[in-house]
Amino acid sequence: EYKWSDEKSMQDNNSSGFNYRFISGSKILSKHASGLAIDINPKQNPYIKNGIISPAGSVYDIDAEGTITSDSPIVVEFKKRGWTWGGDWKSLKDYQHFQKNLSVGKQD
């Protein structure tokens, strides 16, 4: 149905993990392509960069059900396990996104 389209999946507000795809606008494989990232409730927790919000029509409203904030239990628990949250990023915000950063040869 989605044919690996992240945009189509986000429009339906699907939470997703593995998705063999490139980082938007690049030829670099996303962390999703290796199962090291997950996106949760993209409509409530959009990607925001330079005023552009994805998925289209999304709103980041900390009072809306399903919205992830820095003190949400899911953020706390992912961070305890060594994951990073896109809501902490400085150059953009990816509130739906959690990822595990692994060094080559290092096992967690």
Protein backbone atom coordinates (compact mmCIF):
# COMPACT_ATOMS: atom_id res chain seq x y z
CA GLU A 1 0.00 0.00 0.00
CA TYR A 2 2.73 2.50 0.92
CA LYS A 3 5.52 1.07 -1.27
CA TRP A 4 8.17 2.28 1.23
CA SER A 5 6.84 5.86 1.03
CA ASP A 6 7.49 7.54 4.34
CA GLU A 7 5.31 10.50 3.35
CA LYS A 8 2.27 8.32 2.56
CA SER A 9 2.72 6.36 5.77
CA MET A 10 2.99 9.55 7.85
CA GLN A 11 -0.14 11.00 6.24
CA ASP A 12 -2.03 8.02 7.69
CA ASN A 13 -0.39 8.69 11.08
CA ASN A 14 1.33 5.31 11.11
CA SER A 15 3.98 4.68 13.71
CA SER A 16 6.82 2.86 11.98
CA GLY A 17 10.20 1.29 12.56
CA PHE A 18 11.91 -0.58 9.76
CA ASN A 19 11.55 1.16 6.41
CA TYR A 20 14.27 0.66 3.80
CA ARG A 21 14.62 4.25 2.60
CA PHE A 22 17.01 7.15 2.24
CA ILE A 23 17.12 10.22 4.46
CA SER A 24 14.82 12.73 2.79
CA GLY A 25 16.66 14.68 0.10
CA SER A 26 19.80 12.53 0.22
CA LYS A 27 21.35 9.27 -0.95
CA ILE A 28 22.21 8.24 2.62
CA LEU A 29 20.28 5.32 4.07
CA SER A 30 18.08 6.28 6.99
CA LYS A 31 18.51 4.65 10.40
CA HIS A 32 15.07 3.19 9.64
CA ALA A 33 16.70 1.14 6.88
CA SER A 34 18.65 -0.83 9.48
CA GLY A 35 15.95 -0.95 12.14
CA LEU A 36 17.69 1.58 14.39
CA ALA A 37 14.91 4.18 14.34
CA ILE A 38 11.23 4.43 15.09
CA ASP A 39 8.68 7.17 14.40
CA ILE A 40 5.64 7.49 16.66
CA ASN A 41 2.38 9.35 15.92
CA PRO A 42 3.79 11.55 13.13
CA LYS A 43 0.66 13.73 12.86
CA GLN A 44 0.92 14.72 16.54
CA ASN A 45 4.73 14.75 16.50
CA PRO A 46 5.81 16.24 13.17
CA TYR A 47 9.17 16.89 11.57
CA ILE A 48 9.79 20.66 11.49
CA LYS A 49 12.64 22.39 9.66
CA ASN A 50 12.80 26.01 8.51
CA GLY A 51 9.06 26.41 9.05
CA ILE A 52 8.19 23.39 6.90
CA ILE A 53 6.12 20.77 8.70
CA SER A 54 5.84 17.14 7.68
CA PRO A 55 3.49 15.42 7.37
CA ALA A 56 1.47 18.24 5.82
CA GLY A 57 -1.34 19.53 8.01
CA SER A 58 0.30 18.39 11.24
CA VAL A 59 0.41 20.51 14.36
CA TYR A 60 2.72 20.10 17.34
CA ASP A 61 0.40 20.79 20.26
CA ILE A 62 1.78 19.65 23.61
CA ASP A 63 -1.76 19.46 25.00
CA ALA A 64 -3.02 17.06 22.31
CA GLU A 65 -3.31 13.36 23.11
CA GLY A 66 -0.43 11.37 21.65
CA THR A 67 2.00 14.30 21.56
CA ILE A 68 5.51 13.51 22.77
CA THR A 69 7.34 16.05 24.94
CA SER A 70 10.72 16.02 26.66
CA ASP A 71 9.18 14.79 29.91
CA SER A 72 7.00 12.09 28.33
CA PRO A 73 7.63 8.63 29.78
CA ILE A 74 8.51 7.31 26.32
CA VAL A 75 11.32 9.88 25.95
CA VAL A 76 12.64 9.10 29.43
CA GLU A 77 12.62 5.34 28.78
CA PHE A 78 14.20 5.51 25.33
CA LYS A 79 16.98 7.76 26.66
CA LYS A 80 17.64 5.35 29.54
CA ARG A 81 18.36 2.76 26.87
CA GLY A 82 20.78 4.96 24.93
CA TRP A 83 18.43 6.23 22.23
CA THR A 84 18.22 9.84 21.10
CA TRP A 85 15.02 11.80 20.50
CA GLY A 86 14.56 14.09 17.50
CA GLY A 87 12.79 16.63 19.71
CA ASP A 88 16.18 17.43 21.29
CA TRP A 89 17.87 18.26 17.99
CA LYS A 90 18.91 21.89 17.42
CA SER A 91 18.85 22.42 13.62
CA LEU A 92 15.43 20.82 13.22
CA LYS A 93 12.80 19.08 15.31
CA ASP A 94 11.67 15.54 14.58
CA TYR A 95 9.32 14.99 17.49
CA GLN A 96 8.16 11.57 16.24
CA HIS A 97 11.69 10.18 15.87
CA PHE A 98 13.84 8.03 18.16
CA GLN A 99 17.11 6.46 17.03
CA LYS A 100 19.87 4.28 18.37
CA ASN A 101 23.39 5.35 17.45
CA LEU A 102 25.80 2.45 17.30
CA SER A 103 29.52 2.65 16.64
CA VAL A 104 30.97 0.13 14.21
CA GLY A 105 32.28 -2.81 16.19
CA LYS A 106 30.59 -1.70 19.40
CA GLN A 107 27.80 -3.76 20.86
CA ASP A 108 25.21 -2.43 23.30
